[in-house]
Amino acid sequence: MAVDGEALPASHTPVGGSIPRAERGAVHQEAPYWRISDLEIVHGPYGVYCDGCDSNVFARLATVAVGTKHPS
């Protein structure tokens, strides 16, 4: 499965720019005991943003062009 973060509000933030916490990550998670696997994350300011994520499992994740400037 693929998640495309191109349309996220912070996707076009300049390198070094500030991104509000709520807009971080194509996958934004604030919960423990989750398993995320077999996921491709394309574009977006962050691949996975996780806060308070104790005992989570992340397996076989791939990122493509995450955190890079997109052509106009």
N, C-alpha and C. Protein backbone atom coordinates (compact mmCIF):
# COMPACT_ATOMS: atom_id res chain seq x y z
N MET A 1 0.85 -1.16 0.00
CA MET A 1 0.00 0.00 0.00
C MET A 1 0.90 1.23 0.00
N ALA A 2 0.45 2.28 -0.66
CA ALA A 2 1.22 3.53 -0.72
C ALA A 2 0.39 4.68 -0.18
N VAL A 3 1.07 5.58 0.51
CA VAL A 3 0.47 6.82 1.00
C VAL A 3 1.22 7.95 0.33
N ASP A 4 0.50 8.85 -0.36
CA ASP A 4 1.13 9.98 -1.02
C ASP A 4 0.85 11.25 -0.23
N GLY A 5 1.89 11.85 0.32
CA GLY A 5 1.75 13.04 1.15
C GLY A 5 1.85 14.35 0.39
N GLU A 6 1.83 14.30 -0.93
CA GLU A 6 1.99 15.51 -1.76
C GLU A 6 0.99 16.60 -1.39
N ALA A 7 -0.25 16.25 -1.10
CA ALA A 7 -1.29 17.25 -0.84
C ALA A 7 -1.35 17.72 0.61
N LEU A 8 -0.49 17.19 1.47
CA LEU A 8 -0.50 17.63 2.87
C LEU A 8 -0.10 19.10 2.96
N PRO A 9 -0.69 19.84 3.91
CA PRO A 9 -0.43 21.29 4.00
C PRO A 9 1.05 21.66 4.11
N ALA A 10 1.84 20.86 4.80
CA ALA A 10 3.25 21.22 5.03
C ALA A 10 4.19 20.62 3.99
N SER A 11 3.68 19.98 2.96
CA SER A 11 4.54 19.31 1.97
C SER A 11 5.50 20.25 1.27
N HIS A 12 5.15 21.50 1.14
CA HIS A 12 5.98 22.45 0.40
C HIS A 12 6.70 23.43 1.31
N THR A 13 6.89 23.05 2.57
CA THR A 13 7.64 23.87 3.51
C THR A 13 9.11 23.86 3.10
N PRO A 14 9.75 25.01 3.06
CA PRO A 14 11.17 25.05 2.68
C PRO A 14 12.03 24.24 3.65
N VAL A 15 13.15 23.74 3.17
CA VAL A 15 14.08 23.00 4.02
C VAL A 15 14.48 23.89 5.18
N GLY A 16 14.38 23.37 6.38
CA GLY A 16 14.70 24.13 7.58
C GLY A 16 13.52 24.94 8.11
N GLY A 17 12.40 24.93 7.38
CA GLY A 17 11.22 25.67 7.81
C GLY A 17 10.50 24.98 8.96
N SER A 18 9.62 25.69 9.59
CA SER A 18 8.88 25.16 10.73
C SER A 18 7.58 24.51 10.26
N ILE A 19 7.30 23.33 10.78
CA ILE A 19 6.07 22.62 10.45
C ILE A 19 5.29 22.41 11.75
N PRO A 20 4.04 22.88 11.81
CA PRO A 20 3.25 22.67 13.03
C PRO A 20 3.12 21.17 13.35
N ARG A 21 3.15 20.86 14.60
CA ARG A 21 3.10 19.46 15.03
C ARG A 21 1.95 18.68 14.39
N ALA A 22 0.78 19.24 14.33
CA ALA A 22 -0.38 18.54 13.78
C ALA A 22 -0.25 18.21 12.30
N GLU A 23 0.68 18.87 11.61
CA GLU A 23 0.84 18.66 10.16
C GLU A 23 2.07 17.81 9.83
N ARG A 24 2.70 17.23 10.83
CA ARG A 24 3.92 16.44 10.59
C ARG A 24 3.55 15.01 10.24
N GLY A 25 4.15 14.52 9.19
CA GLY A 25 4.05 13.10 8.84
C GLY A 25 2.93 12.74 7.90
N ALA A 26 3.27 11.98 6.86
CA ALA A 26 2.24 11.38 6.02
C ALA A 26 1.46 10.39 6.88
N VAL A 27 2.16 9.79 7.85
CA VAL A 27 1.52 9.01 8.90
C VAL A 27 1.85 9.74 10.19
N HIS A 28 0.83 10.28 10.85
CA HIS A 28 1.01 11.02 12.11
C HIS A 28 0.33 10.18 13.19
N GLN A 29 1.12 9.74 14.15
CA GLN A 29 0.59 8.82 15.15
C GLN A 29 0.96 9.27 16.54
N GLU A 30 0.00 9.17 17.45
CA GLU A 30 0.24 9.49 18.86
C GLU A 30 -0.45 8.43 19.71
N ALA A 31 -0.06 7.18 19.52
CA ALA A 31 -0.69 6.08 20.24
C ALA A 31 0.27 4.89 20.36
N PRO A 32 0.20 4.16 21.47
CA PRO A 32 1.05 2.99 21.65
C PRO A 32 0.41 1.72 21.11
N TYR A 33 1.23 0.70 20.96
CA TYR A 33 0.82 -0.65 20.62
C TYR A 33 0.16 -0.78 19.25
N TRP A 34 0.73 -0.15 18.25
CA TRP A 34 0.27 -0.31 16.86
C TRP A 34 1.35 -1.01 16.07
N ARG A 35 0.93 -1.66 15.00
CA ARG A 35 1.87 -2.29 14.07
C ARG A 35 1.60 -1.72 12.69
N ILE A 36 2.61 -1.13 12.06
CA ILE A 36 2.49 -0.61 10.70
C ILE A 36 3.52 -1.35 9.86
N SER A 37 3.06 -1.99 8.78
CA SER A 37 4.00 -2.75 7.94
C SER A 37 3.59 -2.70 6.48
N ASP A 38 4.56 -2.99 5.62
CA ASP A 38 4.33 -3.06 4.17
C ASP A 38 3.70 -1.77 3.63
N LEU A 39 4.31 -0.65 3.96
CA LEU A 39 3.78 0.64 3.56
C LEU A 39 4.84 1.44 2.83
N GLU A 40 4.47 2.06 1.71
CA GLU A 40 5.37 2.97 0.99
C GLU A 40 4.83 4.38 1.17
N ILE A 41 5.69 5.28 1.60
CA ILE A 41 5.31 6.68 1.81
C ILE A 41 6.01 7.52 0.76
N VAL A 42 5.21 8.24 -0.02
CA VAL A 42 5.72 9.04 -1.13
C VAL A 42 5.44 10.51 -0.84
N HIS A 43 6.46 11.36 -0.98
CA HIS A 43 6.36 12.82 -0.76
C HIS A 43 6.02 13.11 0.70
N GLY A 44 5.63 14.32 0.97
CA GLY A 44 5.31 14.72 2.33
C GLY A 44 6.53 15.23 3.08
N PRO A 45 6.31 16.02 4.14
CA PRO A 45 7.41 16.61 4.89
C PRO A 45 8.13 15.60 5.78
N TYR A 46 7.46 14.63 6.30
CA TYR A 46 8.02 13.56 7.10
C TYR A 46 7.40 12.26 6.59
N GLY A 47 8.07 11.16 6.78
CA GLY A 47 7.46 9.87 6.46
C GLY A 47 6.48 9.51 7.56
N VAL A 48 7.03 9.19 8.74
CA VAL A 48 6.22 8.85 9.91
C VAL A 48 6.61 9.78 11.04
N TYR A 49 5.63 10.41 11.64
CA TYR A 49 5.84 11.22 12.83
C TYR A 49 5.13 10.51 13.97
N CYS A 50 5.86 10.19 15.01
CA CYS A 50 5.28 9.40 16.09
C CYS A 50 5.67 10.00 17.43
N ASP A 51 4.69 10.31 18.26
CA ASP A 51 4.94 10.87 19.58
C ASP A 51 4.12 10.08 20.59
N GLY A 52 4.75 9.58 21.61
CA GLY A 52 4.04 8.77 22.60
C GLY A 52 3.72 7.38 22.07
N CYS A 53 4.59 6.88 21.22
CA CYS A 53 4.33 5.61 20.53
C CYS A 53 5.15 4.49 21.15
N ASP A 54 4.86 4.15 22.37
CA ASP A 54 5.57 3.07 23.04
C ASP A 54 5.12 1.71 22.51
N SER A 55 6.07 0.82 22.35
CA SER A 55 5.80 -0.59 21.97
C SER A 55 5.15 -0.74 20.60
N ASN A 56 5.40 0.21 19.69
CA ASN A 56 4.90 0.07 18.32
C ASN A 56 5.90 -0.72 17.50
N VAL A 57 5.42 -1.31 16.41
CA VAL A 57 6.28 -2.06 15.49
C VAL A 57 6.13 -1.43 14.11
N PHE A 58 7.28 -1.07 13.51
CA PHE A 58 7.30 -0.56 12.14
C PHE A 58 8.15 -1.52 11.33
N ALA A 59 7.55 -2.14 10.31
CA ALA A 59 8.26 -3.16 9.53
C ALA A 59 8.03 -2.94 8.04
N ARG A 60 9.10 -3.11 7.27
CA ARG A 60 9.04 -3.03 5.81
C ARG A 60 8.39 -1.74 5.32
N LEU A 61 8.87 -0.60 5.84
CA LEU A 61 8.42 0.71 5.38
C LEU A 61 9.42 1.23 4.35
N ALA A 62 8.92 1.89 3.33
CA ALA A 62 9.77 2.50 2.30
C ALA A 62 9.36 3.95 2.14
N THR A 63 10.35 4.83 1.95
CA THR A 63 10.05 6.23 1.69
C THR A 63 10.66 6.64 0.36
N VAL A 64 9.92 7.47 -0.38
CA VAL A 64 10.36 7.96 -1.69
C VAL A 64 10.12 9.47 -1.71
N ALA A 65 11.17 10.23 -1.90
CA ALA A 65 11.08 11.70 -2.02
C ALA A 65 10.42 12.34 -0.81
N VAL A 66 10.62 11.79 0.37
CA VAL A 66 10.09 12.39 1.60
C VAL A 66 11.08 13.43 2.08
N GLY A 67 10.56 14.63 2.39
CA GLY A 67 11.41 15.70 2.88
C GLY A 67 12.20 16.41 1.80
N THR A 68 11.84 16.19 0.53
CA THR A 68 12.54 16.86 -0.56
C THR A 68 11.63 17.90 -1.20
N LYS A 69 12.24 18.85 -1.87
CA LYS A 69 11.48 19.87 -2.58
C LYS A 69 10.95 19.28 -3.87
N HIS A 70 9.67 19.49 -4.11
CA HIS A 70 9.02 18.96 -5.31
C HIS A 70 9.12 19.96 -6.46
N PRO A 71 9.28 19.48 -7.68
CA PRO A 71 9.32 20.40 -8.82
C PRO A 71 7.99 21.12 -9.00
N SER A 72 8.02 22.35 -9.46
CA SER A 72 6.79 23.14 -9.66
C SER A 72 6.04 22.66 -10.88
